[in-house]
Protein backbone atom coordinates (compact mmCIF):
# COMPACT_ATOMS: atom_id res chain seq x y z
CA MET A 1 0.08 0.18 0.27
CA ARG A 2 1.36 3.53 -0.96
CA ASN A 3 -0.14 5.99 1.44
CA ILE A 4 0.55 8.80 -1.30
CA MET A 5 -2.49 11.25 -1.50
CA GLU A 6 -2.42 13.35 -5.14
CA ILE A 7 -4.84 16.39 -4.94
CA ASN A 8 -4.98 18.75 -7.29
CA GLY A 9 -1.80 17.85 -9.07
CA TYR A 10 0.30 17.34 -5.84
CA ARG A 11 1.21 14.83 -3.72
CA ALA A 12 1.04 14.02 0.23
CA ILE A 13 2.91 10.90 2.07
CA ILE A 14 -0.07 9.87 4.63
CA GLN A 15 0.59 8.80 7.58
CA PHE A 16 -1.34 8.16 10.75
CA ASP A 17 -0.81 9.56 14.66
CA PRO A 18 -2.24 7.61 17.02
CA GLU A 19 -0.69 9.62 19.09
CA ILE A 20 -3.20 12.45 17.73
CA ASP A 21 -6.56 9.87 16.85
CA LYS A 22 -5.80 11.49 13.50
CA PHE A 23 -4.62 11.31 10.04
CA ARG A 24 -1.56 13.55 9.22
CA GLY A 25 -0.44 14.41 5.13
CA GLU A 26 1.82 16.11 4.46
CA PHE A 27 2.95 17.45 0.60
CA VAL A 28 6.29 16.55 -0.82
CA GLY A 29 8.41 18.30 -3.90
CA LEU A 30 7.35 22.15 -2.34
CA HIS A 31 10.53 24.67 -1.61
CA GLY A 32 8.22 25.25 2.04
CA GLY A 33 5.54 22.65 4.32
CA ALA A 34 2.47 22.20 4.38
CA ASP A 35 0.29 19.79 6.20
CA PHE A 36 -3.27 19.29 7.68
CA TYR A 37 -4.23 16.63 9.82
CA ALA A 38 -8.44 14.95 9.63
CA THR A 39 -9.95 11.61 11.54
CA ASP A 40 -11.23 10.57 7.96
CA ILE A 41 -10.69 10.36 4.44
CA ASP A 42 -13.26 12.52 2.94
CA SER A 43 -11.83 15.29 5.76
CA LEU A 44 -7.84 14.45 4.34
CA LYS A 45 -9.26 15.22 1.04
CA ARG A 46 -10.85 18.32 2.51
CA GLU A 47 -8.34 19.57 4.81
CA GLY A 48 -5.29 19.23 2.23
CA ALA A 49 -7.68 20.72 -0.57
CA ALA A 50 -7.98 24.39 1.86
CA SER A 51 -4.10 23.43 3.05
CA LEU A 52 -2.61 23.36 -0.30
CA ARG A 53 -4.43 26.57 -1.51
CA VAL A 54 -3.01 28.58 1.29
CA TYR A 55 0.09 27.35 0.92
CA LEU A 56 0.09 28.87 -3.03
CA ASP A 57 -1.59 31.75 -1.72
CA MET A 58 1.12 32.49 0.06
CA CYS A 59 3.37 31.43 -2.57
CA ARG A 60 1.70 33.95 -4.83
CA GLU A 61 2.20 36.70 -2.38
CA ASP A 62 5.78 36.73 -2.08
CA GLY A 63 6.93 35.80 -5.08
CA VAL A 64 7.91 32.79 -4.55
CA GLU A 65 7.71 29.21 -6.76
CA PRO A 66 5.58 26.68 -5.10
CA THR A 67 7.76 24.04 -6.64
CA ARG A 68 11.23 22.33 -6.06
CA ALA A 69 12.82 21.80 -9.14
CA PHE A 70 14.65 18.05 -9.84
CA SER A 71 17.41 18.21 -12.02
CA GLY A 72 17.33 14.41 -12.55
CA LYS A 73 21.39 14.34 -11.07
CA LEU A 74 21.38 11.85 -7.73
CA ASN A 75 24.09 10.66 -6.04
CA LEU A 76 24.00 7.07 -5.48
CA ARG A 77 25.85 5.69 -2.50
CA LEU A 78 25.73 1.29 -2.41
CA SER A 79 28.21 -0.81 -1.41
CA PRO A 80 31.01 -1.57 -3.82
CA GLY A 81 29.90 -5.29 -3.91
CA LEU A 82 26.34 -4.46 -4.34
CA HIS A 83 27.84 -1.28 -7.23
CA ALA A 84 30.38 -3.87 -8.95
CA ASP A 85 26.82 -7.04 -9.41
CA ILE A 86 24.67 -4.15 -11.18
CA ALA A 87 27.17 -2.56 -13.15
CA ALA A 88 27.89 -6.76 -14.25
CA ILE A 89 24.19 -7.46 -14.75
CA ALA A 90 23.19 -3.89 -17.03
CA ALA A 91 27.08 -4.49 -18.87
CA ALA A 92 25.33 -8.62 -19.49
CA GLN A 93 22.19 -6.84 -20.56
CA GLY A 94 23.80 -4.39 -23.30
CA LYS A 95 23.22 -1.69 -21.31
CA SER A 96 25.45 1.71 -19.08
CA LEU A 97 24.69 1.31 -15.89
CA ASN A 98 23.41 4.77 -15.72
CA GLN A 99 20.20 3.00 -17.64
CA TRP A 100 20.49 -0.32 -16.31
CA ILE A 101 19.36 1.88 -13.05
CA ASN A 102 16.51 4.13 -14.48
CA GLU A 103 14.77 1.04 -16.00
CA GLU A 104 14.88 -0.79 -12.95
CA LEU A 105 13.81 2.31 -11.04
CA GLY A 106 10.94 3.03 -13.09
CA THR A 107 9.87 -0.17 -12.82
CA ALA A 108 9.98 -0.07 -9.52
CA VAL A 109 7.17 2.87 -9.62
CA ALA A 110 5.47 1.73 -12.51
CA ASP A 111 5.22 -1.99 -10.26
CA SER A 112 3.99 -0.22 -6.74
CA PRO A 113 0.78 -0.48 -5.40
């Protein structure tokens, strides 16, 4: 189960907080923080939309870009053994290490529930 809710094209991670007996949502990929709380899914969607609206309004007022830009570059640290293993697998498939990792990560995201 993936705890991601999309609200108006923005993604939020949803978790349950047992201390307050509520669901908590937090938007990801933003320059700032925008979170919201509710006891049920319908309320969570409503509260999320309201929180996002306030965040986007504040960004407009302050002249700030609301979303973070991703460069597409990822500095990844692996154990030397794993690095050697995936380099060998990529070479055996006639692919560069970068191409192999891109394809594998793309498959993992597509297969994620």
